[in-house]
């Protein structure tokens, strides 16, 4: 299901994908994605 959500976010050209899934966060760092996969705390710190 995670792959579907990431693919949907990529296709729709979203800037961020917010998750608390550590495995997904680590896997996304190795992938060549246009969107930024980030945890909620980092997102808040980046946006503010």
N, C-alpha and C. Protein backbone atom coordinates (compact mmCIF):
# COMPACT_ATOMS: atom_id res chain seq x y z
N UNK A 1 0.82 -1.19 0.00
CA UNK A 1 0.00 0.00 0.00
C UNK A 1 0.87 1.26 0.00
N UNK A 2 2.01 1.23 0.68
CA UNK A 2 2.88 2.40 0.71
C UNK A 2 3.35 2.79 -0.68
N UNK A 3 3.71 1.80 -1.48
CA UNK A 3 4.18 2.07 -2.85
C UNK A 3 3.09 2.75 -3.66
N UNK A 4 1.86 2.33 -3.49
CA UNK A 4 0.74 2.97 -4.19
C UNK A 4 0.61 4.44 -3.79
N UNK A 5 0.70 4.72 -2.50
CA UNK A 5 0.56 6.09 -2.03
C UNK A 5 1.70 6.98 -2.53
N UNK A 6 2.92 6.46 -2.51
CA UNK A 6 4.07 7.22 -3.00
C UNK A 6 3.91 7.47 -4.50
N UNK A 7 3.52 6.44 -5.25
CA UNK A 7 3.32 6.59 -6.69
C UNK A 7 2.25 7.63 -6.99
N UNK A 8 1.17 7.60 -6.24
CA UNK A 8 0.10 8.58 -6.43
C UNK A 8 0.61 10.00 -6.16
N UNK A 9 1.39 10.15 -5.11
CA UNK A 9 1.95 11.46 -4.77
C UNK A 9 2.91 11.94 -5.86
N UNK A 10 3.72 11.04 -6.40
CA UNK A 10 4.65 11.39 -7.48
C UNK A 10 3.90 11.81 -8.73
N UNK A 11 2.91 11.02 -9.12
CA UNK A 11 2.14 11.30 -10.34
C UNK A 11 1.45 12.66 -10.24
N UNK A 12 0.97 13.00 -9.06
CA UNK A 12 0.25 14.26 -8.88
C UNK A 12 1.17 15.41 -8.49
N UNK A 13 2.46 15.17 -8.56
CA UNK A 13 3.49 16.20 -8.35
C UNK A 13 3.36 16.92 -7.01
N UNK A 14 3.13 16.13 -5.96
CA UNK A 14 3.08 16.70 -4.62
C UNK A 14 4.50 17.04 -4.16
N UNK A 15 4.61 18.00 -3.29
CA UNK A 15 5.92 18.39 -2.77
C UNK A 15 6.36 17.52 -1.60
N UNK A 16 5.42 17.10 -0.78
CA UNK A 16 5.74 16.34 0.43
C UNK A 16 4.86 15.11 0.57
N UNK A 17 5.44 14.09 1.18
CA UNK A 17 4.71 12.90 1.61
C UNK A 17 5.07 12.72 3.07
N UNK A 18 4.10 12.86 3.96
CA UNK A 18 4.36 12.82 5.40
C UNK A 18 4.03 11.44 5.95
N UNK A 19 5.00 10.87 6.68
CA UNK A 19 4.82 9.55 7.26
C UNK A 19 5.65 9.41 8.53
N UNK A 20 5.25 8.47 9.37
CA UNK A 20 6.04 8.13 10.55
C UNK A 20 6.67 6.75 10.40
N UNK A 21 6.50 6.12 9.25
CA UNK A 21 7.04 4.80 8.96
C UNK A 21 8.54 4.92 8.67
N UNK A 22 9.36 4.46 9.61
CA UNK A 22 10.82 4.60 9.49
C UNK A 22 11.37 3.84 8.30
N UNK A 23 10.82 2.67 8.01
CA UNK A 23 11.28 1.91 6.85
C UNK A 23 11.00 2.66 5.56
N UNK A 24 9.84 3.26 5.46
CA UNK A 24 9.48 4.03 4.28
C UNK A 24 10.36 5.28 4.15
N UNK A 25 10.64 5.93 5.25
CA UNK A 25 11.52 7.10 5.23
C UNK A 25 12.92 6.72 4.74
N UNK A 26 13.45 5.61 5.24
CA UNK A 26 14.77 5.16 4.82
C UNK A 26 14.78 4.72 3.36
N UNK A 27 13.77 4.00 2.92
CA UNK A 27 13.70 3.53 1.54
C UNK A 27 13.58 4.70 0.57
N UNK A 28 12.87 5.73 0.98
CA UNK A 28 12.67 6.88 0.08
C UNK A 28 13.97 7.65 -0.13
N UNK A 29 14.88 7.58 0.81
CA UNK A 29 16.17 8.26 0.66
C UNK A 29 17.00 7.62 -0.45
N UNK A 30 16.80 6.31 -0.66
CA UNK A 30 17.54 5.59 -1.70
C UNK A 30 16.87 5.73 -3.07
N UNK A 31 15.61 6.10 -3.09
CA UNK A 31 14.86 6.21 -4.34
C UNK A 31 15.05 7.61 -4.95
N UNK A 32 14.90 7.68 -6.23
CA UNK A 32 15.02 8.95 -6.94
C UNK A 32 13.62 9.56 -7.08
N UNK A 33 13.18 10.24 -6.03
CA UNK A 33 11.84 10.81 -6.01
C UNK A 33 11.88 12.31 -6.18
N UNK A 34 10.83 12.85 -6.79
CA UNK A 34 10.72 14.30 -6.92
C UNK A 34 10.08 14.92 -5.69
N UNK A 35 9.35 14.12 -4.92
CA UNK A 35 8.74 14.65 -3.71
C UNK A 35 9.62 14.31 -2.51
N UNK A 36 9.41 15.03 -1.45
CA UNK A 36 10.19 14.82 -0.23
C UNK A 36 9.37 14.01 0.76
N UNK A 37 9.89 12.84 1.13
CA UNK A 37 9.24 11.99 2.14
C UNK A 37 9.83 12.40 3.48
N UNK A 38 8.96 12.79 4.39
CA UNK A 38 9.41 13.45 5.61
C UNK A 38 8.49 13.07 6.77
N UNK A 39 9.02 13.11 7.99
CA UNK A 39 8.16 12.84 9.14
C UNK A 39 7.46 14.14 9.57
N UNK A 40 6.38 14.04 10.34
CA UNK A 40 5.59 15.24 10.69
C UNK A 40 6.39 16.33 11.42
N UNK A 41 7.28 15.95 12.30
CA UNK A 41 8.06 16.95 13.05
C UNK A 41 8.99 17.71 12.12
N UNK A 42 9.70 16.98 11.25
CA UNK A 42 10.58 17.64 10.29
C UNK A 42 9.80 18.53 9.33
N UNK A 43 8.60 18.09 8.96
CA UNK A 43 7.75 18.90 8.08
C UNK A 43 7.41 20.23 8.73
N UNK A 44 6.98 20.16 9.97
CA UNK A 44 6.61 21.39 10.69
C UNK A 44 7.81 22.32 10.82
N UNK A 45 8.96 21.76 11.14
CA UNK A 45 10.17 22.58 11.29
C UNK A 45 10.58 23.21 9.95
N UNK A 46 10.37 22.51 8.87
CA UNK A 46 10.75 23.01 7.55
C UNK A 46 9.79 24.08 7.04
N UNK A 47 8.54 23.93 7.33
CA UNK A 47 7.52 24.85 6.82
C UNK A 47 7.48 26.15 7.62
N UNK A 48 7.75 26.05 8.89
CA UNK A 48 7.66 27.25 9.75
C UNK A 48 8.85 28.16 9.53
